[in-house]
PDB file of N, CA and C in Angstrom:
ATOM      1  N   MET A   1    -153.222 -29.308  -9.943  1.00  0.00           N
ATOM      2  CA  MET A   1    -152.035 -29.227 -10.769  1.00  0.00           C
ATOM      3  C   MET A   1    -152.416 -29.424 -12.242  1.00  0.00           C
ATOM      4  N   TYR A   2    -153.338 -30.351 -12.484  1.00  0.00           N
ATOM      5  CA  TYR A   2    -153.784 -30.611 -13.854  1.00  0.00           C
ATOM      6  C   TYR A   2    -154.383 -29.353 -14.472  1.00  0.00           C
ATOM      7  N   LYS A   3    -155.237 -28.653 -13.716  1.00  0.00           N
ATOM      8  CA  LYS A   3    -155.885 -27.449 -14.241  1.00  0.00           C
ATOM      9  C   LYS A   3    -154.864 -26.363 -14.560  1.00  0.00           C
ATOM     10  N   ILE A   4    -153.842 -26.215 -13.731  1.00  0.00           N
ATOM     11  CA  ILE A   4    -152.796 -25.222 -13.986  1.00  0.00           C
ATOM     12  C   ILE A   4    -152.067 -25.559 -15.280  1.00  0.00           C
ATOM     13  N   MET A   5    -151.685 -26.820 -15.434  1.00  0.00           N
ATOM     14  CA  MET A   5    -150.966 -27.241 -16.639  1.00  0.00           C
ATOM     15  C   MET A   5    -151.842 -27.080 -17.885  1.00  0.00           C
ATOM     16  N   ARG A   6    -153.123 -27.399 -17.745  1.00  0.00           N
ATOM     17  CA  ARG A   6    -154.048 -27.258 -18.870  1.00  0.00           C
ATOM     18  C   ARG A   6    -154.169 -25.796 -19.277  1.00  0.00           C
ATOM     19  N   ASN A   7    -154.308 -24.907 -18.293  1.00  0.00           N
ATOM     20  CA  ASN A   7    -154.433 -23.480 -18.593  1.00  0.00           C
ATOM     21  C   ASN A   7    -153.160 -22.936 -19.236  1.00  0.00           C
ATOM     22  N   LEU A   8    -152.003 -23.372 -18.761  1.00  0.00           N
ATOM     23  CA  LEU A   8    -150.740 -22.950 -19.371  1.00  0.00           C
ATOM     24  C   LEU A   8    -150.650 -23.415 -20.817  1.00  0.00           C
ATOM     25  N   PHE A   9    -151.080 -24.641 -21.071  1.00  0.00           N
ATOM     26  CA  PHE A   9    -151.076 -25.179 -22.433  1.00  0.00           C
ATOM     27  C   PHE A   9    -151.996 -24.362 -23.335  1.00  0.00           C
ATOM     28  N   ILE A  10    -153.210 -24.078 -22.863  1.00  0.00           N
ATOM     29  CA  ILE A  10    -154.161 -23.286 -23.647  1.00  0.00           C
ATOM     30  C   ILE A  10    -153.600 -21.897 -23.918  1.00  0.00           C
ATOM     31  N   ASP A  11    -153.000 -21.278 -22.911  1.00  0.00           N
ATOM     32  CA  ASP A  11    -152.410 -19.940 -23.084  1.00  0.00           C
ATOM     33  C   ASP A  11    -151.318 -19.961 -24.144  1.00  0.00           C
ATOM     34  N   GLU A  12    -150.480 -20.985 -24.128  1.00  0.00           N
ATOM     35  CA  GLU A  12    -149.387 -21.076 -25.104  1.00  0.00           C
ATOM     36  C   GLU A  12    -149.925 -21.270 -26.520  1.00  0.00           C
ATOM     37  N   ILE A  13    -150.946 -22.074 -26.685  1.00  0.00           N
ATOM     38  CA  ILE A  13    -151.558 -22.279 -28.003  1.00  0.00           C
ATOM     39  C   ILE A  13    -152.133 -20.968 -28.519  1.00  0.00           C
ATOM     40  N   ARG A  14    -152.855 -20.253 -27.674  1.00  0.00           N
ATOM     41  CA  ARG A  14    -153.445 -18.969 -28.097  1.00  0.00           C
ATOM     42  C   ARG A  14    -152.356 -17.959 -28.448  1.00  0.00           C
ATOM     43  N   ALA A  15    -151.304 -17.916 -27.641  1.00  0.00           N
ATOM     44  CA  ALA A  15    -150.214 -16.973 -27.897  1.00  0.00           C
ATOM     45  C   ALA A  15    -149.525 -17.288 -29.218  1.00  0.00           C
ATOM     46  N   SER A  16    -149.324 -18.552 -29.508  1.00  0.00           N
ATOM     47  CA  SER A  16    -148.658 -18.901 -30.769  1.00  0.00           C
ATOM     48  C   SER A  16    -149.540 -18.552 -31.960  1.00  0.00           C
ATOM     49  N   ARG A  17    -150.858 -18.709 -31.821  1.00  0.00           N
ATOM     50  CA  ARG A  17    -151.761 -18.314 -32.906  1.00  0.00           C
ATOM     51  C   ARG A  17    -151.695 -16.810 -33.150  1.00  0.00           C
ATOM     52  N   ARG A  18    -151.680 -16.035 -32.058  1.00  0.00           N
ATOM     53  CA  ARG A  18    -151.639 -14.576 -32.205  1.00  0.00           C
ATOM     54  C   ARG A  18    -150.321 -14.111 -32.806  1.00  0.00           C
ATOM     55  N   ARG A  19    -149.228 -14.778 -32.472  1.00  0.00           N
ATOM     56  CA  ARG A  19    -147.931 -14.398 -33.035  1.00  0.00           C
ATOM     57  C   ARG A  19    -147.911 -14.530 -34.546  1.00  0.00           C
ATOM     58  N   GLY A  20    -148.685 -15.471 -35.068  1.00  0.00           N
ATOM     59  CA  GLY A  20    -148.696 -15.708 -36.503  1.00  0.00           C
ATOM     60  C   GLY A  20    -149.659 -14.822 -37.276  1.00  0.00           C
ATOM     61  N   GLU A  21    -150.494 -14.057 -36.580  1.00  0.00           N
ATOM     62  CA  GLU A  21    -151.471 -13.215 -37.259  1.00  0.00           C
ATOM     63  C   GLU A  21    -150.821 -11.947 -37.792  1.00  0.00           C
ATOM     64  N   THR A  22    -151.287 -11.510 -38.948  1.00  0.00           N
ATOM     65  CA  THR A  22    -150.837 -10.258 -39.532  1.00  0.00           C
ATOM     66  C   THR A  22    -152.052  -9.359 -39.677  1.00  0.00           C
ATOM     67  N   PHE A  23    -151.936  -8.127 -39.251  1.00  0.00           N
ATOM     68  CA  PHE A  23    -153.074  -7.219 -39.255  1.00  0.00           C
ATOM     69  C   PHE A  23    -153.045  -6.229 -40.407  1.00  0.00           C
ATOM     70  N   VAL A  24    -151.959  -6.139 -41.132  1.00  0.00           N
ATOM     71  CA  VAL A  24    -151.870  -5.253 -42.277  1.00  0.00           C
ATOM     72  C   VAL A  24    -151.283  -6.028 -43.443  1.00  0.00           C
ATOM     73  N   ALA A  25    -151.484  -5.495 -44.636  1.00  0.00           N
ATOM     74  CA  ALA A  25    -150.923  -6.127 -45.821  1.00  0.00           C
ATOM     75  C   ALA A  25    -149.396  -6.059 -45.764  1.00  0.00           C
ATOM     76  N   GLU A  26    -148.747  -7.024 -46.354  1.00  0.00           N
ATOM     77  CA  GLU A  26    -147.292  -7.081 -46.317  1.00  0.00           C
ATOM     78  C   GLU A  26    -146.658  -5.825 -46.917  1.00  0.00           C
ATOM     79  N   GLU A  27    -147.292  -5.276 -47.958  1.00  0.00           N
ATOM     80  CA  GLU A  27    -146.760  -4.074 -48.615  1.00  0.00           C
ATOM     81  C   GLU A  27    -146.794  -2.860 -47.691  1.00  0.00           C
ATOM     82  N   ALA A  28    -147.720  -2.844 -46.745  1.00  0.00           N
ATOM     83  CA  ALA A  28    -147.868  -1.696 -45.851  1.00  0.00           C
ATOM     84  C   ALA A  28    -146.922  -1.778 -44.656  1.00  0.00           C
ATOM     85  N   GLY A  29    -146.152  -2.822 -44.570  1.00  0.00           N
ATOM     86  CA  GLY A  29    -145.302  -3.043 -43.414  1.00  0.00           C
ATOM     87  C   GLY A  29    -144.294  -1.949 -43.148  1.00  0.00           C
ATOM     88  N   LEU A  30    -143.805  -1.290 -44.190  1.00  0.00           N
ATOM     89  CA  LEU A  30    -142.800  -0.251 -43.991  1.00  0.00           C
ATOM     90  C   LEU A  30    -143.365   1.015 -43.375  1.00  0.00           C
ATOM     91  N   SER A  31    -144.655   1.275 -43.600  1.00  0.00           N
ATOM     92  CA  SER A  31    -145.222   2.518 -43.084  1.00  0.00           C
ATOM     93  C   SER A  31    -145.920   2.346 -41.737  1.00  0.00           C
ATOM     94  N   VAL A  32    -146.068   1.128 -41.266  1.00  0.00           N
ATOM     95  CA  VAL A  32    -146.741   0.898 -39.996  1.00  0.00           C
ATOM     96  C   VAL A  32    -145.885   1.430 -38.853  1.00  0.00           C
ATOM     97  N   GLY A  33    -146.507   2.214 -37.998  1.00  0.00           N
ATOM     98  CA  GLY A  33    -145.819   2.727 -36.824  1.00  0.00           C
ATOM     99  C   GLY A  33    -144.876   3.878 -37.101  1.00  0.00           C
ATOM    100  N   SER A  34    -144.977   4.501 -38.266  1.00  0.00           N
ATOM    101  CA  SER A  34    -144.036   5.561 -38.597  1.00  0.00           C
ATOM    102  C   SER A  34    -144.378   6.884 -37.916  1.00  0.00           C
ATOM    103  N   SER A  35    -145.620   7.060 -37.478  1.00  0.00           N
ATOM    104  CA  SER A  35    -145.965   8.313 -36.812  1.00  0.00           C
ATOM    105  C   SER A  35    -146.842   8.036 -35.601  1.00  0.00           C
ATOM    106  N   GLY A  36    -146.783   8.900 -34.628  1.00  0.00           N
ATOM    107  CA  GLY A  36    -147.643   8.780 -33.461  1.00  0.00           C
ATOM    108  C   GLY A  36    -147.171   7.782 -32.432  1.00  0.00           C
ATOM    109  N   GLY A  37    -145.938   7.370 -32.489  1.00  0.00           N
ATOM    110  CA  GLY A  37    -145.442   6.372 -31.558  1.00  0.00           C
ATOM    111  C   GLY A  37    -145.487   6.831 -30.120  1.00  0.00           C
ATOM    112  N   GLN A  38    -145.179   8.096 -29.887  1.00  0.00           N
ATOM    113  CA  GLN A  38    -145.159   8.610 -28.517  1.00  0.00           C
ATOM    114  C   GLN A  38    -146.571   8.656 -27.943  1.00  0.00           C
ATOM    115  N   GLU A  39    -147.531   9.105 -28.748  1.00  0.00           N
ATOM    116  CA  GLU A  39    -148.908   9.184 -28.274  1.00  0.00           C
ATOM    117  C   GLU A  39    -149.455   7.794 -27.966  1.00  0.00           C
ATOM    118  N   ALA A  40    -149.176   6.841 -28.839  1.00  0.00           N
ATOM    119  CA  ALA A  40    -149.647   5.473 -28.615  1.00  0.00           C
ATOM    120  C   ALA A  40    -149.019   4.895 -27.359  1.00  0.00           C
ATOM    121  N   SER A  41    -147.758   5.173 -27.140  1.00  0.00           N
ATOM    122  CA  SER A  41    -147.071   4.679 -25.951  1.00  0.00           C
ATOM    123  C   SER A  41    -147.676   5.265 -24.682  1.00  0.00           C
ATOM    124  N   VAL A  42    -148.006   6.546 -24.705  1.00  0.00           N
ATOM    125  CA  VAL A  42    -148.621   7.192 -23.545  1.00  0.00           C
ATOM    126  C   VAL A  42    -150.008   6.600 -23.296  1.00  0.00           C
ATOM    127  N   GLU A  43    -150.788   6.406 -24.360  1.00  0.00           N
ATOM    128  CA  GLU A  43    -152.129   5.838 -24.210  1.00  0.00           C
ATOM    129  C   GLU A  43    -152.066   4.420 -23.658  1.00  0.00           C
ATOM    130  N   LEU A  44    -151.145   3.614 -24.157  1.00  0.00           N
ATOM    131  CA  LEU A  44    -151.000   2.252 -23.653  1.00  0.00           C
ATOM    132  C   LEU A  44    -150.596   2.248 -22.180  1.00  0.00           C
ATOM    133  N   GLY A  45    -149.736   3.182 -21.810  1.00  0.00           N
ATOM    134  CA  GLY A  45    -149.348   3.304 -20.405  1.00  0.00           C
ATOM    135  C   GLY A  45    -150.528   3.667 -19.520  1.00  0.00           C
ATOM    136  N   MET A  46    -151.381   4.570 -20.004  1.00  0.00           N
ATOM    137  CA  MET A  46    -152.567   4.963 -19.244  1.00  0.00           C
ATOM    138  C   MET A  46    -153.514   3.776 -19.084  1.00  0.00           C
ATOM    139  N   ILE A  47    -153.692   3.022 -20.164  1.00  0.00           N
ATOM    140  CA  ILE A  47    -154.574   1.855 -20.119  1.00  0.00           C
ATOM    141  C   ILE A  47    -154.019   0.819 -19.156  1.00  0.00           C
ATOM    142  N   ASP A  48    -152.714   0.586 -19.224  1.00  0.00           N
ATOM    143  CA  ASP A  48    -152.081  -0.393 -18.338  1.00  0.00           C
ATOM    144  C   ASP A  48    -152.261  -0.002 -16.874  1.00  0.00           C
ATOM    145  N   ARG A  49    -152.034   1.265 -16.565  1.00  0.00           N
ATOM    146  CA  ARG A  49    -152.195   1.723 -15.183  1.00  0.00           C
ATOM    147  C   ARG A  49    -153.651   1.600 -14.732  1.00  0.00           C
ATOM    148  N   ALA A  50    -154.591   1.913 -15.630  1.00  0.00           N
ATOM    149  CA  ALA A  50    -156.016   1.805 -15.277  1.00  0.00           C
ATOM    150  C   ALA A  50    -156.400   0.350 -15.038  1.00  0.00           C
ATOM    151  N   ILE A  51    -155.908  -0.560 -15.858  1.00  0.00           N
ATOM    152  CA  ILE A  51    -156.214  -1.979 -15.677  1.00  0.00           C
ATOM    153  C   ILE A  51    -155.666  -2.476 -14.348  1.00  0.00           C
ATOM    154  N   MET A  52    -154.481  -2.025 -13.988  1.00  0.00           N
ATOM    155  CA  MET A  52    -153.872  -2.467 -12.728  1.00  0.00           C
ATOM    156  C   MET A  52    -154.642  -1.960 -11.506  1.00  0.00           C
ATOM    157  N   ARG A  53    -155.441  -0.923 -11.672  1.00  0.00           N
ATOM    158  CA  ARG A  53    -156.228  -0.384 -10.553  1.00  0.00           C
ATOM    159  C   ARG A  53    -157.541  -1.136 -10.359  1.00  0.00           C
ATOM    160  N   LEU A  54    -157.928  -1.982 -11.313  1.00  0.00           N
ATOM    161  CA  LEU A  54    -159.163  -2.755 -11.183  1.00  0.00           C
ATOM    162  C   LEU A  54    -158.992  -3.832 -10.115  1.00  0.00           C
ATOM    163  N   PRO A  55    -160.086  -4.218  -9.457  1.00  0.00           N
ATOM    164  CA  PRO A  55    -160.019  -5.364  -8.545  1.00  0.00           C
ATOM    165  C   PRO A  55    -159.577  -6.614  -9.318  1.00  0.00           C
ATOM    166  N   ASP A  56    -158.931  -7.546  -8.630  1.00  0.00           N
ATOM    167  CA  ASP A  56    -158.356  -8.720  -9.281  1.00  0.00           C
ATOM    168  C   ASP A  56    -159.360  -9.478 -10.147  1.00  0.00           C
ATOM    169  N   GLU A  57    -160.566  -9.722  -9.628  1.00  0.00           N
ATOM    170  CA  GLU A  57    -161.560 -10.495 -10.370  1.00  0.00           C
ATOM    171  C   GLU A  57    -161.977  -9.781 -11.648  1.00  0.00           C
ATOM    172  N   GLN A  58    -162.176  -8.476 -11.571  1.00  0.00           N
ATOM    173  CA  GLN A  58    -162.562  -7.710 -12.753  1.00  0.00           C
ATOM    174  C   GLN A  58    -161.411  -7.640 -13.750  1.00  0.00           C
ATOM    175  N   ARG A  59    -160.191  -7.433 -13.243  1.00  0.00           N
ATOM    176  CA  ARG A  59    -159.022  -7.369 -14.119  1.00  0.00           C
ATOM    177  C   ARG A  59    -158.859  -8.681 -14.895  1.00  0.00           C
ATOM    178  N   GLU A  60    -159.018  -9.788 -14.177  1.00  0.00           N
ATOM    179  CA  GLU A  60    -158.881 -11.097 -14.801  1.00  0.00           C
ATOM    180  C   GLU A  60    -159.913 -11.289 -15.914  1.00  0.00           C
ATOM    181  N   ALA A  61    -161.163 -10.912 -15.655  1.00  0.00           N
ATOM    182  CA  ALA A  61    -162.222 -11.049 -16.663  1.00  0.00           C
ATOM    183  C   ALA A  61    -161.936 -10.156 -17.870  1.00  0.00           C
ATOM    184  N   VAL A  62    -161.560  -8.923 -17.628  1.00  0.00           N
ATOM    185  CA  VAL A  62    -161.271  -7.987 -18.728  1.00  0.00           C
ATOM    186  C   VAL A  62    -160.104  -8.487 -19.573  1.00  0.00           C
ATOM    187  N   LEU A  63    -159.040  -8.939 -18.934  1.00  0.00           N
ATOM    188  CA  LEU A  63    -157.874  -9.396 -19.682  1.00  0.00           C
ATOM    189  C   LEU A  63    -158.172 -10.654 -20.481  1.00  0.00           C
ATOM    190  N   LEU A  64    -158.888 -11.600 -19.892  1.00  0.00           N
ATOM    191  CA  LEU A  64    -159.174 -12.839 -20.608  1.00  0.00           C
ATOM    192  C   LEU A  64    -160.067 -12.611 -21.821  1.00  0.00           C
ATOM    193  N   VAL A  65    -161.107 -11.805 -21.654  1.00  0.00           N
ATOM    194  CA  VAL A  65    -162.076 -11.618 -22.741  1.00  0.00           C
ATOM    195  C   VAL A  65    -161.636 -10.551 -23.733  1.00  0.00           C
ATOM    196  N   MET A  66    -161.223  -9.382 -23.215  1.00  0.00           N
ATOM    197  CA  MET A  66    -160.946  -8.261 -24.114  1.00  0.00           C
ATOM    198  C   MET A  66    -159.530  -8.277 -24.683  1.00  0.00           C
ATOM    199  N   VAL A  67    -158.579  -8.819 -23.955  1.00  0.00           N
ATOM    200  CA  VAL A  67    -157.196  -8.814 -24.423  1.00  0.00           C
ATOM    201  C   VAL A  67    -156.828 -10.149 -25.051  1.00  0.00           C
ATOM    202  N   GLU A  68    -157.097 -11.238 -24.323  1.00  0.00           N
ATOM    203  CA  GLU A  68    -156.728 -12.563 -24.814  1.00  0.00           C
ATOM    204  C   GLU A  68    -157.684 -13.087 -25.874  1.00  0.00           C
ATOM    205  N   GLY A  69    -158.907 -12.544 -25.917  1.00  0.00           N
ATOM    206  CA  GLY A  69    -159.862 -12.971 -26.930  1.00  0.00           C
ATOM    207  C   GLY A  69    -160.598 -14.251 -26.597  1.00  0.00           C
ATOM    208  N   CYS A  70    -160.646 -14.620 -25.329  1.00  0.00           N
ATOM    209  CA  CYS A  70    -161.372 -15.820 -24.921  1.00  0.00           C
ATOM    210  C   CYS A  70    -162.875 -15.566 -25.024  1.00  0.00           C
ATOM    211  N   SER A  71    -163.616 -16.637 -25.295  1.00  0.00           N
ATOM    212  CA  SER A  71    -165.073 -16.526 -25.224  1.00  0.00           C
ATOM    213  C   SER A  71    -165.457 -16.463 -23.748  1.00  0.00           C
ATOM    214  N   TYR A  72    -166.681 -16.063 -23.474  1.00  0.00           N
ATOM    215  CA  TYR A  72    -167.123 -15.984 -22.085  1.00  0.00           C
ATOM    216  C   TYR A  72    -167.032 -17.363 -21.437  1.00  0.00           C
ATOM    217  N   LYS A  73    -167.421 -18.396 -22.170  1.00  0.00           N
ATOM    218  CA  LYS A  73    -167.404 -19.761 -21.634  1.00  0.00           C
ATOM    219  C   LYS A  73    -165.969 -20.201 -21.320  1.00  0.00           C
ATOM    220  N   GLU A  74    -165.040 -19.928 -22.249  1.00  0.00           N
ATOM    221  CA  GLU A  74    -163.635 -20.294 -22.015  1.00  0.00           C
ATOM    222  C   GLU A  74    -163.075 -19.559 -20.798  1.00  0.00           C
ATOM    223  N   ALA A  75    -163.355 -18.267 -20.728  1.00  0.00           N
ATOM    224  CA  ALA A  75    -162.845 -17.467 -19.610  1.00  0.00           C
ATOM    225  C   ALA A  75    -163.431 -17.952 -18.286  1.00  0.00           C
ATOM    226  N   ALA A  76    -164.715 -18.300 -18.286  1.00  0.00           N
ATOM    227  CA  ALA A  76    -165.352 -18.786 -17.065  1.00  0.00           C
ATOM    228  C   ALA A  76    -164.715 -20.108 -16.621  1.00  0.00           C
ATOM    229  N   GLU A  77    -164.383 -20.962 -17.568  1.00  0.00           N
ATOM    230  CA  GLU A  77    -163.727 -22.226 -17.230  1.00  0.00           C
ATOM    231  C   GLU A  77    -162.330 -21.980 -16.657  1.00  0.00           C
ATOM    232  N   ILE A  78    -161.592 -21.047 -17.247  1.00  0.00           N
ATOM    233  CA  ILE A  78    -160.248 -20.741 -16.763  1.00  0.00           C
ATOM    234  C   ILE A  78    -160.297 -20.189 -15.345  1.00  0.00           C
ATOM    235  N   VAL A  79    -161.236 -19.273 -15.110  1.00  0.00           N
ATOM    236  CA  VAL A  79    -161.360 -18.635 -13.802  1.00  0.00           C
ATOM    237  C   VAL A  79    -161.989 -19.593 -12.785  1.00  0.00           C
ATOM    238  N   GLY A  80    -162.855 -20.480 -13.271  1.00  0.00           N
ATOM    239  CA  GLY A  80    -163.524 -21.412 -12.381  1.00  0.00           C
ATOM    240  C   GLY A  80    -164.782 -20.848 -11.763  1.00  0.00           C
ATOM    241  N   CYS A  81    -165.561 -20.107 -12.564  1.00  0.00           N
ATOM    242  CA  CYS A  81    -166.810 -19.543 -12.078  1.00  0.00           C
ATOM    243  C   CYS A  81    -167.876 -19.724 -13.161  1.00  0.00           C
ATOM    244  N   PRO A  82    -169.152 -19.547 -12.814  1.00  0.00           N
ATOM    245  CA  PRO A  82    -170.209 -19.624 -13.824  1.00  0.00           C
ATOM    246  C   PRO A  82    -170.081 -18.492 -14.849  1.00  0.00           C
ATOM    247  N   VAL A  83    -170.639 -18.710 -16.034  1.00  0.00           N
ATOM    248  CA  VAL A  83    -170.562 -17.712 -17.108  1.00  0.00           C
ATOM    249  C   VAL A  83    -171.238 -16.409 -16.686  1.00  0.00           C
ATOM    250  N   GLY A  84    -172.348 -16.499 -15.978  1.00  0.00           N
ATOM    251  CA  GLY A  84    -173.047 -15.289 -15.515  1.00  0.00           C
ATOM    252  C   GLY A  84    -172.191 -14.451 -14.583  1.00  0.00           C
ATOM    253  N   THR A  85    -171.458 -15.120 -13.710  1.00  0.00           N
ATOM    254  CA  THR A  85    -170.562 -14.407 -12.794  1.00  0.00           C
ATOM    255  C   THR A  85    -169.459 -13.709 -13.569  1.00  0.00           C
ATOM    256  N   LEU A  86    -168.881 -14.425 -14.545  1.00  0.00           N
ATOM    257  CA  LEU A  86    -167.833 -13.821 -15.364  1.00  0.00           C
ATOM    258  C   LEU A  86    -168.383 -12.621 -16.123  1.00  0.00           C
ATOM    259  N   ASN A  87    -169.593 -12.753 -16.649  1.00  0.00           N
ATOM    260  CA  ASN A  87    -170.211 -11.662 -17.399  1.00  0.00           C
ATOM    261  C   ASN A  87    -170.392 -10.429 -16.519  1.00  0.00           C
ATOM    262  N   SER A  88    -170.856 -10.612 -15.288  1.00  0.00           N
ATOM    263  CA  SER A  88    -171.039  -9.445 -14.421  1.00  0.00           C
ATOM    264  C   SER A  88    -169.694  -8.824 -14.035  1.00  0.00           C
ATOM    265  N   ARG A  89    -168.678  -9.655 -13.812  1.00  0.00           N
ATOM    266  CA  ARG A  89    -167.338  -9.119 -13.523  1.00  0.00           C
ATOM    267  C   ARG A  89    -166.812  -8.323 -14.713  1.00  0.00           C
ATOM    268  N   LEU A  90    -167.058  -8.831 -15.902  1.00  0.00           N
ATOM    269  CA  LEU A  90    -166.591  -8.157 -17.111  1.00  0.00           C
ATOM    270  C   LEU A  90    -167.288  -6.815 -17.295  1.00  0.00           C
ATOM    271  N   VAL A  91    -168.599  -6.792 -17.101  1.00  0.00           N
ATOM    272  CA  VAL A  91    -169.349  -5.537 -17.256  1.00  0.00           C
ATOM    273  C   VAL A  91    -168.882  -4.506 -16.234  1.00  0.00           C
ATOM    274  N   ARG A  92    -168.749  -4.930 -14.966  1.00  0.00           N
ATOM    275  CA  ARG A  92    -168.269  -3.994 -13.935  1.00  0.00           C
ATOM    276  C   ARG A  92    -166.838  -3.537 -14.230  1.00  0.00           C
ATOM    277  N   GLY A  93    -166.012  -4.451 -14.706  1.00  0.00           N
ATOM    278  CA  GLY A  93    -164.628  -4.109 -15.024  1.00  0.00           C
ATOM    279  C   GLY A  93    -164.525  -3.135 -16.183  1.00  0.00           C
ATOM    280  N   ARG A  94    -165.323  -3.376 -17.235  1.00  0.00           N
ATOM    281  CA  ARG A  94    -165.312  -2.447 -18.382  1.00  0.00           C
ATOM    282  C   ARG A  94    -165.785  -1.068 -17.980  1.00  0.00           C
ATOM    283  N   ASP A  95    -166.865  -1.026 -17.181  1.00  0.00           N
ATOM    284  CA  ASP A  95    -167.380   0.273 -16.727  1.00  0.00           C
ATOM    285  C   ASP A  95    -166.356   1.007 -15.867  1.00  0.00           C
ATOM    286  N   ALA A  96    -165.722   0.278 -14.960  1.00  0.00           N
ATOM    287  CA  ALA A  96    -164.711   0.893 -14.095  1.00  0.00           C
ATOM    288  C   ALA A  96    -163.514   1.357 -14.915  1.00  0.00           C
ATOM    289  N   LEU A  97    -163.102   0.550 -15.882  1.00  0.00           N
ATOM    290  CA  LEU A  97    -161.978   0.910 -16.737  1.00  0.00           C
ATOM    291  C   LEU A  97    -162.296   2.163 -17.547  1.00  0.00           C
ATOM    292  N   GLN A  98    -163.498   2.224 -18.093  1.00  0.00           N
ATOM    293  CA  GLN A  98    -163.900   3.416 -18.838  1.00  0.00           C
ATOM    294  C   GLN A  98    -163.907   4.644 -17.943  1.00  0.00           C
ATOM    295  N   GLY A  99    -164.389   4.512 -16.723  1.00  0.00           N
ATOM    296  CA  GLY A  99    -164.396   5.628 -15.783  1.00  0.00           C
ATOM    297  C   GLY A  99    -162.979   6.090 -15.445  1.00  0.00           C
ATOM    298  N   LEU A 100    -162.086   5.122 -15.220  1.00  0.00           N
ATOM    299  CA  LEU A 100    -160.693   5.473 -14.917  1.00  0.00           C
ATOM    300  C   LEU A 100    -160.027   6.175 -16.086  1.00  0.00           C
ATOM    301  N   LEU A 101    -160.302   5.715 -17.291  1.00  0.00           N
ATOM    302  CA  LEU A 101    -159.684   6.339 -18.474  1.00  0.00           C
ATOM    303  C   LEU A 101    -160.289   7.713 -18.747  1.00  0.00           C
ATOM    304  N   ASP A 102    -161.596   7.884 -18.473  1.00  0.00           N
ATOM    305  CA  ASP A 102    -162.207   9.200 -18.641  1.00  0.00           C
ATOM    306  C   ASP A 102    -161.623  10.208 -17.649  1.00  0.00           C
ATOM    307  N   ASP A 103    -161.375   9.745 -16.413  1.00  0.00           N
ATOM    308  CA  ASP A 103    -160.787  10.618 -15.390  1.00  0.00           C
ATOM    309  C   ASP A 103    -159.355  11.010 -15.753  1.00  0.00           C
ATOM    310  N   ALA A 104    -158.632  10.096 -16.398  1.00  0.00           N
ATOM    311  CA  ALA A 104    -157.222  10.354 -16.743  1.00  0.00           C
ATOM    312  C   ALA A 104    -157.106  11.297 -17.938  1.00  0.00           C
ATOM    313  N   ALA A 105    -158.144  11.377 -18.761  1.00  0.00           N
ATOM    314  CA  ALA A 105    -158.063  12.200 -19.979  1.00  0.00           C
ATOM    315  C   ALA A 105    -158.310  13.652 -19.716  1.00  0.00           C
TER     316      ALA A 105
END
């Protein structure tokens, strides 16, 4: 129970940090997202579907490291496996994800 609560706390801290980040200058805010919305939406949908097709262990590694921005050590602690195991899951997951996206294109 402690580990679950700890992981939820860490997730909330990371999410709040990301909510506060700005990726473009304030002046550019009006032009962000003005074109290509449909294409971006389709691409995100393809990526989401490809991620959902990954095995659970690979999906978890890919999401923690590539989406959430966790270090390998942090992700390994969250998952409860050695860093080497997480690294191999991540490599296999990235390769599988790339293959799925290449097939969809």
